[in-house]
Amino acid sequence: LLCGCVCTCKYTSVLVAKNNRYTSTPDHDFIVDTHPSDPRLVLAAGFSGHGFKFGPSLGDLIQGLVANGSSTAEDPATARFSLRRFPNDGLKLSE
């Protein structure tokens, strides 16, 4: 849909058009955290199509996680984005 509106110049054409999935969490807040088993892995997901509005703030938060390796659960200001707010630290455990 958007390609038809944006690409109107006669000298341009759309090479590839893809759709993406709508992702969300059960409580509709983002997940921005380090992995519980490996703090070198930073997870950022569940933006449900509106994460772009928070781009600069999310970039700062993610940069801090990469630099420090600490969880967002450790700071009350960012705890709402922690993976650890879900059962089993947000990990699906195999049976």
C-alpha atoms as a PDB file:
ATOM      1  CA  LEU A   1       0.000   0.000   0.000  1.00  0.00           C
ATOM      2  CA  LEU A   2       2.648   2.489   1.023  1.00  0.00           C
ATOM      3  CA  CYS A   3       4.788   1.820  -2.058  1.00  0.00           C
ATOM      4  CA  GLY A   4       2.023   3.049  -4.325  1.00  0.00           C
ATOM      5  CA  CYS A   5       1.839   6.329  -2.411  1.00  0.00           C
ATOM      6  CA  VAL A   6       5.549   6.980  -1.948  1.00  0.00           C
ATOM      7  CA  CYS A   7       7.071   5.705  -5.189  1.00  0.00           C
ATOM      8  CA  THR A   8       5.389   8.036  -7.655  1.00  0.00           C
ATOM      9  CA  CYS A   9       8.468   9.319  -9.486  1.00  0.00           C
ATOM     10  CA  LYS A  10       8.577   7.921 -13.017  1.00  0.00           C
ATOM     11  CA  TYR A  11      12.298   7.141 -12.635  1.00  0.00           C
ATOM     12  CA  THR A  12      11.892   4.884  -9.609  1.00  0.00           C
ATOM     13  CA  SER A  13      10.464   1.447  -9.069  1.00  0.00           C
ATOM     14  CA  VAL A  14       9.924  -0.851  -6.123  1.00  0.00           C
ATOM     15  CA  LEU A  15      12.543  -3.615  -6.072  1.00  0.00           C
ATOM     16  CA  VAL A  16      11.288  -5.522  -3.047  1.00  0.00           C
ATOM     17  CA  ALA A  17       8.195  -5.146  -0.891  1.00  0.00           C
ATOM     18  CA  LYS A  18       7.856  -7.173   2.301  1.00  0.00           C
ATOM     19  CA  ASN A  19       5.455  -7.227   5.184  1.00  0.00           C
ATOM     20  CA  ASN A  20       6.388  -7.928   8.752  1.00  0.00           C
ATOM     21  CA  ARG A  21       4.631  -9.464  11.696  1.00  0.00           C
ATOM     22  CA  TYR A  22       2.790  -7.548  14.338  1.00  0.00           C
ATOM     23  CA  THR A  23       4.511  -8.458  17.589  1.00  0.00           C
ATOM     24  CA  SER A  24       3.262  -7.750  21.058  1.00  0.00           C
ATOM     25  CA  THR A  25       3.613  -8.988  24.614  1.00  0.00           C
ATOM     26  CA  PRO A  26       0.791 -10.132  26.915  1.00  0.00           C
ATOM     27  CA  ASP A  27       0.905  -6.816  28.806  1.00  0.00           C
ATOM     28  CA  HIS A  28       1.529  -4.746  25.632  1.00  0.00           C
ATOM     29  CA  ASP A  29       4.819  -3.294  26.898  1.00  0.00           C
ATOM     30  CA  PHE A  30       8.093  -3.711  25.026  1.00  0.00           C
ATOM     31  CA  ILE A  31      10.794  -6.189  25.937  1.00  0.00           C
ATOM     32  CA  VAL A  32      14.155  -4.460  26.179  1.00  0.00           C
ATOM     33  CA  ASP A  33      16.511  -6.462  28.354  1.00  0.00           C
ATOM     34  CA  THR A  34      19.564  -8.646  28.492  1.00  0.00           C
ATOM     35  CA  HIS A  35      19.113 -12.395  28.184  1.00  0.00           C
ATOM     36  CA  PRO A  36      18.837 -14.002  31.656  1.00  0.00           C
ATOM     37  CA  SER A  37      21.493 -16.604  30.817  1.00  0.00           C
ATOM     38  CA  ASP A  38      23.895 -14.385  28.856  1.00  0.00           C
ATOM     39  CA  PRO A  39      23.992 -10.626  29.545  1.00  0.00           C
ATOM     40  CA  ARG A  40      26.011 -10.125  26.341  1.00  0.00           C
ATOM     41  CA  LEU A  41      22.802 -10.775  24.381  1.00  0.00           C
ATOM     42  CA  VAL A  42      20.414  -7.807  24.322  1.00  0.00           C
ATOM     43  CA  LEU A  43      16.780  -8.455  23.405  1.00  0.00           C
ATOM     44  CA  ALA A  44      14.482  -5.763  21.985  1.00  0.00           C
ATOM     45  CA  ALA A  45      11.056  -6.928  20.801  1.00  0.00           C
ATOM     46  CA  GLY A  46       7.297  -6.575  21.045  1.00  0.00           C
ATOM     47  CA  PHE A  47       7.063  -3.070  19.598  1.00  0.00           C
ATOM     48  CA  SER A  48       3.712  -3.865  17.938  1.00  0.00           C
ATOM     49  CA  GLY A  49       4.117  -1.356  15.134  1.00  0.00           C
ATOM     50  CA  HIS A  50       4.660   1.720  17.291  1.00  0.00           C
ATOM     51  CA  GLY A  51       8.235   1.292  18.495  1.00  0.00           C
ATOM     52  CA  PHE A  52       9.470   3.784  15.893  1.00  0.00           C
ATOM     53  CA  LYS A  53       8.004   6.603  18.007  1.00  0.00           C
ATOM     54  CA  PHE A  54      10.343   5.625  20.801  1.00  0.00           C
ATOM     55  CA  GLY A  55      13.428   5.145  18.597  1.00  0.00           C
ATOM     56  CA  PRO A  56      15.776   7.657  20.266  1.00  0.00           C
ATOM     57  CA  SER A  57      14.831   6.591  23.795  1.00  0.00           C
ATOM     58  CA  LEU A  58      15.030   2.901  22.938  1.00  0.00           C
ATOM     59  CA  GLY A  59      18.409   3.476  21.294  1.00  0.00           C
ATOM     60  CA  ASP A  60      19.730   5.057  24.484  1.00  0.00           C
ATOM     61  CA  LEU A  61      18.326   2.229  26.607  1.00  0.00           C
ATOM     62  CA  ILE A  62      19.741  -0.478  24.328  1.00  0.00           C
ATOM     63  CA  GLN A  63      23.122   1.260  24.180  1.00  0.00           C
ATOM     64  CA  GLY A  64      23.218   1.272  27.977  1.00  0.00           C
ATOM     65  CA  LEU A  65      22.426  -2.438  28.120  1.00  0.00           C
ATOM     66  CA  VAL A  66      25.152  -3.215  25.596  1.00  0.00           C
ATOM     67  CA  ALA A  67      27.699  -1.101  27.453  1.00  0.00           C
ATOM     68  CA  ASN A  68      26.803  -2.233  30.986  1.00  0.00           C
ATOM     69  CA  GLY A  69      25.349  -5.718  30.531  1.00  0.00           C
ATOM     70  CA  SER A  70      22.849  -5.106  33.310  1.00  0.00           C
ATOM     71  CA  SER A  71      19.160  -5.977  33.181  1.00  0.00           C
ATOM     72  CA  THR A  72      16.407  -3.388  32.890  1.00  0.00           C
ATOM     73  CA  ALA A  73      14.869  -5.150  35.918  1.00  0.00           C
ATOM     74  CA  GLU A  74      17.564  -3.579  38.104  1.00  0.00           C
ATOM     75  CA  ASP A  75      16.308  -0.019  37.521  1.00  0.00           C
ATOM     76  CA  PRO A  76      12.773   0.939  38.629  1.00  0.00           C
ATOM     77  CA  ALA A  77      12.545   3.410  35.729  1.00  0.00           C
ATOM     78  CA  THR A  78      13.009   0.630  33.146  1.00  0.00           C
ATOM     79  CA  ALA A  79      11.717  -2.459  35.001  1.00  0.00           C
ATOM     80  CA  ARG A  80       8.462  -2.414  32.995  1.00  0.00           C
ATOM     81  CA  PHE A  81      10.506  -3.451  29.911  1.00  0.00           C
ATOM     82  CA  SER A  82      12.286  -6.331  31.617  1.00  0.00           C
ATOM     83  CA  LEU A  83      11.961  -9.864  30.291  1.00  0.00           C
ATOM     84  CA  ARG A  84      11.999 -10.957  33.921  1.00  0.00           C
ATOM     85  CA  ARG A  85       8.484  -9.595  34.497  1.00  0.00           C
ATOM     86  CA  PHE A  86       7.153 -12.814  32.940  1.00  0.00           C
ATOM     87  CA  PRO A  87       7.163 -16.285  34.559  1.00  0.00           C
ATOM     88  CA  ASN A  88      10.443 -18.207  34.258  1.00  0.00           C
ATOM     89  CA  ASP A  89      12.223 -14.940  33.387  1.00  0.00           C
ATOM     90  CA  GLY A  90      10.279 -14.909  30.124  1.00  0.00           C
ATOM     91  CA  LEU A  91      11.903 -18.100  28.892  1.00  0.00           C
ATOM     92  CA  LYS A  92       9.972 -21.075  27.619  1.00  0.00           C
ATOM     93  CA  LEU A  93      11.412 -24.044  29.436  1.00  0.00           C
ATOM     94  CA  SER A  94      11.502 -27.384  27.629  1.00  0.00           C
ATOM     95  CA  GLU A  95       9.863 -30.282  29.353  1.00  0.00           C
END
